[in-house]
């Protein structure tokens, strides 16, 4: 069998135009696919970078625990220092029973002026908590900025 067909010049022109159009479309599709592949690879790289820079829930829990440990350590040290100062004050100022009333009044005054109350400790904890919230907010804002850019 012979598959040759005689085509007119106009038919040949149409076939040639269709062939060239199809080849151009195929070339555009391949180029588009390659461009999309490159864009997808770049997006994947950006996601990996963001994942490395983002703070996760475990990090926040760890920061909170470190903050609690720091507060506890700082307060323990402060309480111990105040106890030692109080003992020193009593040893130096409460000597004789006849002076006990005056010494007791002086001791009460000193304790009121130099020891931390529960309210002072709560203020300190509150200040440290706000610092932690500010730090976490800064990290979240930085992460959002990195994601946008």
N, C-alpha and C. Protein backbone atom coordinates (compact mmCIF):
# COMPACT_ATOMS: atom_id res chain seq x y z
N UNK A 1 0.82 -1.17 0.00
CA UNK A 1 0.00 0.00 0.00
C UNK A 1 0.87 1.24 0.00
N UNK A 2 0.37 2.18 -0.63
CA UNK A 2 1.08 3.43 -0.74
C UNK A 2 0.26 4.49 0.00
N UNK A 3 0.90 5.19 0.98
CA UNK A 3 0.20 6.18 1.79
C UNK A 3 0.39 7.60 1.26
N UNK A 4 0.87 7.71 0.12
CA UNK A 4 1.10 9.05 -0.42
C UNK A 4 -0.19 9.59 -0.99
N UNK A 5 -0.40 10.85 -0.73
CA UNK A 5 -1.59 11.52 -1.23
C UNK A 5 -1.15 12.80 -1.90
N UNK A 6 -1.80 13.10 -2.94
CA UNK A 6 -1.49 14.36 -3.61
C UNK A 6 -2.32 15.45 -2.97
N UNK A 7 -1.63 16.45 -2.43
CA UNK A 7 -2.31 17.58 -1.79
C UNK A 7 -2.07 18.82 -2.62
N UNK A 8 -3.05 19.64 -2.60
CA UNK A 8 -2.88 20.90 -3.32
C UNK A 8 -1.95 21.80 -2.53
N UNK A 9 -1.52 22.86 -3.16
CA UNK A 9 -0.60 23.78 -2.51
C UNK A 9 -1.27 24.43 -1.30
N UNK A 10 -2.54 24.72 -1.41
CA UNK A 10 -3.29 25.33 -0.31
C UNK A 10 -3.40 24.34 0.85
N UNK A 11 -3.67 23.06 0.56
CA UNK A 11 -3.75 22.04 1.60
C UNK A 11 -2.41 21.86 2.29
N UNK A 12 -1.33 21.90 1.50
CA UNK A 12 0.02 21.76 2.07
C UNK A 12 0.30 22.94 3.01
N UNK A 13 -0.13 24.12 2.63
CA UNK A 13 0.08 25.31 3.45
C UNK A 13 -0.67 25.18 4.78
N UNK A 14 -1.91 24.67 4.72
CA UNK A 14 -2.72 24.48 5.93
C UNK A 14 -2.08 23.45 6.84
N UNK A 15 -1.63 22.32 6.26
CA UNK A 15 -0.99 21.26 7.05
C UNK A 15 0.29 21.79 7.68
N UNK A 16 1.06 22.54 6.91
CA UNK A 16 2.30 23.11 7.41
C UNK A 16 2.02 24.09 8.55
N UNK A 17 1.01 24.93 8.41
CA UNK A 17 0.65 25.90 9.45
C UNK A 17 0.19 25.19 10.71
N UNK A 18 -0.61 24.14 10.55
CA UNK A 18 -1.07 23.37 11.71
C UNK A 18 0.10 22.69 12.42
N UNK A 19 1.01 22.14 11.63
CA UNK A 19 2.18 21.46 12.20
C UNK A 19 3.04 22.46 12.98
N UNK A 20 3.29 23.61 12.38
CA UNK A 20 4.10 24.63 13.05
C UNK A 20 3.40 25.15 14.31
N UNK A 21 2.10 25.34 14.23
CA UNK A 21 1.34 25.79 15.40
C UNK A 21 1.38 24.77 16.52
N UNK A 22 1.24 23.49 16.15
CA UNK A 22 1.30 22.42 17.14
C UNK A 22 2.68 22.34 17.77
N UNK A 23 3.73 22.44 16.96
CA UNK A 23 5.10 22.40 17.49
C UNK A 23 5.34 23.59 18.42
N UNK A 24 4.84 24.76 18.06
CA UNK A 24 5.01 25.94 18.91
C UNK A 24 4.27 25.75 20.24
N UNK A 25 3.07 25.18 20.18
CA UNK A 25 2.29 24.93 21.40
C UNK A 25 3.01 23.93 22.29
N UNK A 26 3.53 22.86 21.68
CA UNK A 26 4.27 21.85 22.45
C UNK A 26 5.49 22.49 23.10
N UNK A 27 6.19 23.33 22.36
CA UNK A 27 7.38 24.00 22.90
C UNK A 27 6.99 24.91 24.07
N UNK A 28 5.89 25.66 23.94
CA UNK A 28 5.42 26.53 25.01
C UNK A 28 5.05 25.73 26.25
N UNK A 29 4.39 24.59 26.05
CA UNK A 29 4.00 23.74 27.18
C UNK A 29 5.23 23.23 27.90
N UNK A 30 6.25 22.79 27.13
CA UNK A 30 7.48 22.30 27.75
C UNK A 30 8.18 23.41 28.53
N UNK A 31 8.25 24.59 27.93
CA UNK A 31 8.88 25.74 28.61
C UNK A 31 8.11 26.10 29.87
N UNK A 32 6.80 26.13 29.76
CA UNK A 32 5.96 26.45 30.91
C UNK A 32 6.14 25.41 32.02
N UNK A 33 6.20 24.14 31.64
CA UNK A 33 6.39 23.07 32.61
C UNK A 33 7.73 23.23 33.32
N UNK A 34 8.78 23.54 32.55
CA UNK A 34 10.10 23.74 33.15
C UNK A 34 10.09 24.94 34.10
N UNK A 35 9.44 26.03 33.67
CA UNK A 35 9.36 27.22 34.54
C UNK A 35 8.60 26.91 35.82
N UNK A 36 7.49 26.19 35.69
CA UNK A 36 6.72 25.82 36.88
C UNK A 36 7.54 24.89 37.78
N UNK A 37 8.29 24.01 37.19
CA UNK A 37 9.13 23.11 37.98
C UNK A 37 10.16 23.90 38.77
N UNK A 38 10.76 24.90 38.12
CA UNK A 38 11.75 25.74 38.81
C UNK A 38 11.07 26.52 39.94
N UNK A 39 9.88 27.07 39.67
CA UNK A 39 9.15 27.82 40.69
C UNK A 39 8.77 26.92 41.87
N UNK A 40 8.35 25.71 41.57
CA UNK A 40 7.99 24.77 42.63
C UNK A 40 9.21 24.44 43.48
N UNK A 41 10.36 24.23 42.84
CA UNK A 41 11.59 23.97 43.58
C UNK A 41 11.96 25.15 44.47
N UNK A 42 11.80 26.37 43.96
CA UNK A 42 12.11 27.56 44.75
C UNK A 42 11.15 27.69 45.94
N UNK A 43 9.89 27.40 45.71
CA UNK A 43 8.91 27.46 46.80
C UNK A 43 9.25 26.42 47.86
N UNK A 44 9.63 25.22 47.44
CA UNK A 44 10.01 24.17 48.39
C UNK A 44 11.22 24.61 49.21
N UNK A 45 12.20 25.24 48.57
CA UNK A 45 13.37 25.73 49.31
C UNK A 45 12.97 26.80 50.32
N UNK A 46 12.08 27.72 49.90
CA UNK A 46 11.63 28.76 50.83
C UNK A 46 10.89 28.16 52.02
N UNK A 47 10.08 27.16 51.77
CA UNK A 47 9.36 26.51 52.86
C UNK A 47 10.34 25.87 53.83
N UNK A 48 11.36 25.21 53.30
CA UNK A 48 12.36 24.59 54.17
C UNK A 48 13.08 25.64 55.02
N UNK A 49 13.42 26.77 54.40
CA UNK A 49 14.09 27.85 55.15
C UNK A 49 13.17 28.39 56.23
N UNK A 50 11.90 28.60 55.89
CA UNK A 50 10.94 29.11 56.88
C UNK A 50 10.74 28.12 58.03
N UNK A 51 10.68 26.84 57.71
CA UNK A 51 10.50 25.84 58.76
C UNK A 51 11.69 25.86 59.72
N UNK A 52 12.89 26.10 59.17
CA UNK A 52 14.07 26.17 60.03
C UNK A 52 14.04 27.40 60.93
N UNK A 53 13.45 28.50 60.45
CA UNK A 53 13.46 29.75 61.20
C UNK A 53 12.25 29.94 62.10
N UNK A 54 11.20 29.17 61.91
CA UNK A 54 9.97 29.36 62.68
C UNK A 54 10.11 28.77 64.08
N UNK A 55 9.39 29.36 65.00
CA UNK A 55 9.35 28.84 66.35
C UNK A 55 8.12 27.93 66.46
N UNK A 56 8.30 26.79 67.06
CA UNK A 56 7.18 25.84 67.15
C UNK A 56 6.67 25.79 68.59
N UNK A 57 5.61 25.05 68.80
CA UNK A 57 4.98 24.95 70.11
C UNK A 57 5.96 24.39 71.14
N UNK A 58 6.79 23.42 70.75
CA UNK A 58 7.77 22.85 71.67
C UNK A 58 8.76 23.91 72.13
N UNK A 59 9.17 24.79 71.21
CA UNK A 59 10.10 25.87 71.57
C UNK A 59 9.45 26.82 72.56
N UNK A 60 8.17 27.13 72.36
CA UNK A 60 7.47 28.03 73.28
C UNK A 60 7.36 27.40 74.66
N UNK A 61 7.04 26.12 74.72
CA UNK A 61 6.96 25.41 76.01
C UNK A 61 8.31 25.44 76.70
N UNK A 62 9.37 25.20 75.92
CA UNK A 62 10.72 25.21 76.48
C UNK A 62 11.08 26.60 77.01
N UNK A 63 10.73 27.66 76.27
CA UNK A 63 10.98 29.02 76.72
C UNK A 63 10.22 29.33 78.01
N UNK A 64 8.96 28.90 78.07
CA UNK A 64 8.16 29.13 79.28
C UNK A 64 8.78 28.41 80.48
N UNK A 65 9.23 27.18 80.28
CA UNK A 65 9.83 26.43 81.38
C UNK A 65 11.13 27.09 81.83
N UNK A 66 11.94 27.55 80.87
CA UNK A 66 13.18 28.25 81.22
C UNK A 66 12.87 29.53 82.00
N UNK A 67 11.81 30.23 81.60
CA UNK A 67 11.42 31.44 82.32
C UNK A 67 10.99 31.11 83.75
N UNK A 68 10.18 30.07 83.91
CA UNK A 68 9.75 29.67 85.25
C UNK A 68 10.95 29.29 86.11
N UNK A 69 11.89 28.54 85.53
CA UNK A 69 13.10 28.15 86.26
C UNK A 69 13.91 29.37 86.67
N UNK A 70 14.03 30.34 85.75
CA UNK A 70 14.79 31.56 86.05
C UNK A 70 14.13 32.35 87.17
N UNK A 71 12.80 32.48 87.10
CA UNK A 71 12.07 33.21 88.15
C UNK A 71 12.26 32.52 89.49
N UNK A 72 12.09 31.21 89.49
CA UNK A 72 12.23 30.45 90.73
C UNK A 72 13.63 30.59 91.30
N UNK A 73 14.63 30.47 90.45
CA UNK A 73 16.02 30.58 90.89
C UNK A 73 16.29 31.98 91.45
N UNK A 74 15.82 32.99 90.76
CA UNK A 74 16.05 34.36 91.19
C UNK A 74 15.35 34.63 92.52
N UNK A 75 14.12 34.16 92.66
CA UNK A 75 13.38 34.39 93.90
C UNK A 75 13.98 33.61 95.06
N UNK A 76 14.40 32.38 94.81
CA UNK A 76 15.04 31.59 95.86
C UNK A 76 16.28 32.30 96.38
N UNK A 77 17.08 32.82 95.46
CA UNK A 77 18.31 33.53 95.84
C UNK A 77 17.97 34.77 96.66
N UNK A 78 16.96 35.49 96.23
CA UNK A 78 16.56 36.72 96.92
C UNK A 78 16.01 36.43 98.31
N UNK A 79 15.20 35.40 98.43
CA UNK A 79 14.64 35.02 99.73
C UNK A 79 15.74 34.58 100.68
N UNK A 80 16.69 33.80 100.17
CA UNK A 80 17.81 33.34 101.00
C UNK A 80 18.63 34.54 101.49
N UNK A 81 18.87 35.49 100.62
CA UNK A 81 19.63 36.69 100.99
C UNK A 81 18.89 37.48 102.07
N UNK A 82 17.57 37.62 101.91
CA UNK A 82 16.78 38.34 102.91
C UNK A 82 16.77 37.62 104.25
N UNK A 83 16.69 36.31 104.23
CA UNK A 83 16.72 35.53 105.47
C UNK A 83 18.05 35.74 106.19
N UNK A 84 19.13 35.69 105.42
CA UNK A 84 20.46 35.90 106.03
C UNK A 84 20.58 37.31 106.61
N UNK A 85 20.09 38.31 105.87
CA UNK A 85 20.12 39.69 106.39
C UNK A 85 19.28 39.81 107.66
N UNK A 86 18.14 39.15 107.68
CA UNK A 86 17.26 39.20 108.84
C UNK A 86 17.93 38.56 110.06
N UNK A 87 18.53 37.40 109.86
CA UNK A 87 19.23 36.72 110.96
C UNK A 87 20.38 37.57 111.48
N UNK A 88 21.11 38.18 110.56
CA UNK A 88 22.22 39.05 110.96
C UNK A 88 21.69 40.23 111.76
N UNK A 89 20.62 40.82 111.30
CA UNK A 89 20.03 41.96 111.99
C UNK A 89 19.59 41.58 113.40
N UNK A 90 18.94 40.44 113.53
CA UNK A 90 18.48 39.99 114.86
C UNK A 90 19.67 39.73 115.77
N UNK A 91 20.70 39.06 115.24
CA UNK A 91 21.88 38.77 116.06
C UNK A 91 22.59 40.05 116.51
N UNK A 92 22.60 41.05 115.65
CA UNK A 92 23.29 42.29 115.99
C UNK A 92 22.46 43.20 116.88
N UNK A 93 21.15 43.17 116.76
CA UNK A 93 20.31 44.16 117.45
C UNK A 93 19.50 43.63 118.62
N UNK A 94 19.22 42.36 118.69
CA UNK A 94 18.44 41.81 119.80
C UNK A 94 19.43 41.13 120.74
N UNK A 95 19.86 41.89 121.74
CA UNK A 95 20.88 41.37 122.64
C UNK A 95 20.31 41.12 124.03
N UNK A 96 19.66 42.09 124.57
CA UNK A 96 19.19 41.97 125.95
C UNK A 96 17.66 41.98 125.98
N UNK A 97 17.08 41.31 126.99
CA UNK A 97 15.62 41.23 127.10
C UNK A 97 14.99 42.59 127.38
N UNK A 98 15.68 43.45 128.08
CA UNK A 98 15.10 44.75 128.40
C UNK A 98 14.91 45.58 127.13
N UNK A 99 15.73 45.33 126.14
CA UNK A 99 15.62 46.06 124.87
C UNK A 99 14.76 45.31 123.85
N UNK A 100 14.14 44.22 124.29
CA UNK A 100 13.42 43.35 123.37
C UNK A 100 12.26 44.08 122.68
N UNK A 101 11.52 44.88 123.43
CA UNK A 101 10.38 45.57 122.82
C UNK A 101 10.85 46.53 121.72
N UNK A 102 11.85 47.33 122.03
CA UNK A 102 12.39 48.25 121.02
C UNK A 102 12.98 47.49 119.83
N UNK A 103 13.67 46.42 120.13
CA UNK A 103 14.27 45.61 119.06
C UNK A 103 13.20 44.95 118.21
N UNK A 104 12.13 44.52 118.89
CA UNK A 104 11.03 43.90 118.15
C UNK A 104 10.40 44.91 117.20
N UNK A 105 10.18 46.12 117.70
CA UNK A 105 9.61 47.16 116.83
C UNK A 105 10.56 47.47 115.67
N UNK A 106 11.85 47.56 115.97
CA UNK A 106 12.83 47.84 114.92
C UNK A 106 12.89 46.69 113.92
N UNK A 107 12.77 45.46 114.44
CA UNK A 107 12.79 44.29 113.56
C UNK A 107 11.58 44.28 112.65
N UNK A 108 10.43 44.57 113.22
CA UNK A 108 9.21 44.60 112.41
C UNK A 108 9.32 45.67 111.34
N UNK A 109 9.85 46.83 111.72
CA UNK A 109 10.03 47.90 110.74
C UNK A 109 11.00 47.47 109.64
N UNK A 110 12.13 46.84 110.05
CA UNK A 110 13.13 46.40 109.07
C UNK A 110 12.54 45.35 108.13
N UNK A 111 11.79 44.40 108.70
CA UNK A 111 11.17 43.34 107.88
C UNK A 111 10.21 43.96 106.88
N UNK A 112 9.41 44.91 107.33
CA UNK A 112 8.46 45.55 106.42
C UNK A 112 9.15 46.30 105.30
N UNK A 113 10.32 46.88 105.60
CA UNK A 113 11.03 47.66 104.58
C UNK A 113 11.89 46.81 103.66
N UNK A 114 12.40 45.68 104.15
CA UNK A 114 13.43 44.95 103.39
C UNK A 114 13.04 43.58 102.87
N UNK A 115 11.88 43.09 103.19
CA UNK A 115 11.52 41.77 102.68
C UNK A 115 10.51 41.92 101.54
N UNK A 116 10.56 40.96 100.69
CA UNK A 116 9.65 40.97 99.54
C UNK A 116 8.30 40.39 99.98
N UNK A 117 7.26 41.07 99.62
CA UNK A 117 5.93 40.57 99.92
C UNK A 117 5.46 39.72 98.74
N UNK A 118 4.36 39.05 98.97
CA UNK A 118 3.79 38.26 97.88
C UNK A 118 3.45 39.16 96.70
N UNK A 119 3.00 40.37 97.00
CA UNK A 119 2.67 41.33 95.94
C UNK A 119 3.92 41.71 95.14
N UNK A 120 5.06 41.90 95.84
CA UNK A 120 6.31 42.21 95.13
C UNK A 120 6.72 41.07 94.21
N UNK A 121 6.58 39.86 94.71
CA UNK A 121 6.95 38.69 93.90
C UNK A 121 6.03 38.57 92.69
N UNK A 122 4.74 38.81 92.90
CA UNK A 122 3.80 38.76 91.78
C UNK A 122 4.11 39.84 90.75
N UNK A 123 4.49 41.04 91.21
CA UNK A 123 4.87 42.10 90.27
C UNK A 123 6.09 41.67 89.45
N UNK A 124 7.06 41.07 90.12
CA UNK A 124 8.26 40.61 89.43
C UNK A 124 7.92 39.52 88.41
N UNK A 125 7.10 38.56 88.83
CA UNK A 125 6.68 37.51 87.89
C UNK A 125 5.91 38.10 86.72
N UNK A 126 5.04 39.06 86.99
CA UNK A 126 4.25 39.70 85.94
C UNK A 126 5.16 40.43 84.95
N UNK A 127 6.15 41.14 85.46
CA UNK A 127 7.08 41.85 84.58
C UNK A 127 7.84 40.86 83.70
N UNK A 128 8.30 39.77 84.29
CA UNK A 128 9.02 38.76 83.51
C UNK A 128 8.11 38.10 82.48
N UNK A 129 6.85 37.88 82.85
CA UNK A 129 5.90 37.28 81.91
C UNK A 129 5.68 38.21 80.72
N UNK A 130 5.54 39.52 80.96
CA UNK A 130 5.35 40.46 79.85
C UNK A 130 6.58 40.51 78.96
N UNK A 131 7.76 40.36 79.57
CA UNK A 131 8.97 40.32 78.74
C UNK A 131 8.95 39.09 77.85
N UNK A 132 8.52 37.94 78.39
CA UNK A 132 8.43 36.72 77.58
C UNK A 132 7.42 36.91 76.46
N UNK A 133 6.27 37.50 76.78
CA UNK A 133 5.25 37.72 75.75
C UNK A 133 5.78 38.65 74.67
N UNK A 134 6.50 39.68 75.06
CA UNK A 134 7.11 40.58 74.09
C UNK A 134 8.12 39.87 73.22
N UNK A 135 8.93 39.00 73.83
CA UNK A 135 9.93 38.24 73.08
C UNK A 135 9.26 37.30 72.08
N UNK A 136 8.21 36.60 72.52
CA UNK A 136 7.50 35.69 71.63
C UNK A 136 6.81 36.48 70.52
N UNK A 137 6.24 37.64 70.86
CA UNK A 137 5.59 38.47 69.84
C UNK A 137 6.60 38.93 68.80
N UNK A 138 7.80 39.28 69.26
CA UNK A 138 8.84 39.71 68.31
C UNK A 138 9.21 38.56 67.38
N UNK A 139 9.30 37.35 67.92
CA UNK A 139 9.64 36.20 67.09
C UNK A 139 8.53 35.93 66.08
N UNK A 140 7.27 36.03 66.53
CA UNK A 140 6.14 35.81 65.61
C UNK A 140 6.13 36.87 64.52
N UNK A 141 6.37 38.14 64.91
CA UNK A 141 6.39 39.22 63.91
C UNK A 141 7.52 39.02 62.92
N UNK A 142 8.69 38.60 63.42
CA UNK A 142 9.82 38.34 62.53
C UNK A 142 9.50 37.20 61.59
N UNK A 143 8.87 36.16 62.10
CA UNK A 143 8.50 35.02 61.25
C UNK A 143 7.50 35.47 60.19
N UNK A 144 6.52 36.28 60.57
CA UNK A 144 5.54 36.78 59.60
C UNK A 144 6.22 37.64 58.55
N UNK A 145 7.17 38.46 58.97
CA UNK A 145 7.89 39.31 58.02
C UNK A 145 8.68 38.46 57.04
N UNK A 146 9.34 37.43 57.55
CA UNK A 146 10.13 36.54 56.68
C UNK A 146 9.21 35.83 55.70
N UNK A 147 8.05 35.41 56.16
CA UNK A 147 7.11 34.70 55.28
C UNK A 147 6.64 35.62 54.16
N UNK A 148 6.36 36.89 54.49
CA UNK A 148 5.88 37.83 53.47
C UNK A 148 6.96 38.18 52.47
N UNK A 149 8.20 38.19 52.90
CA UNK A 149 9.28 38.60 52.00
C UNK A 149 10.08 37.39 51.71
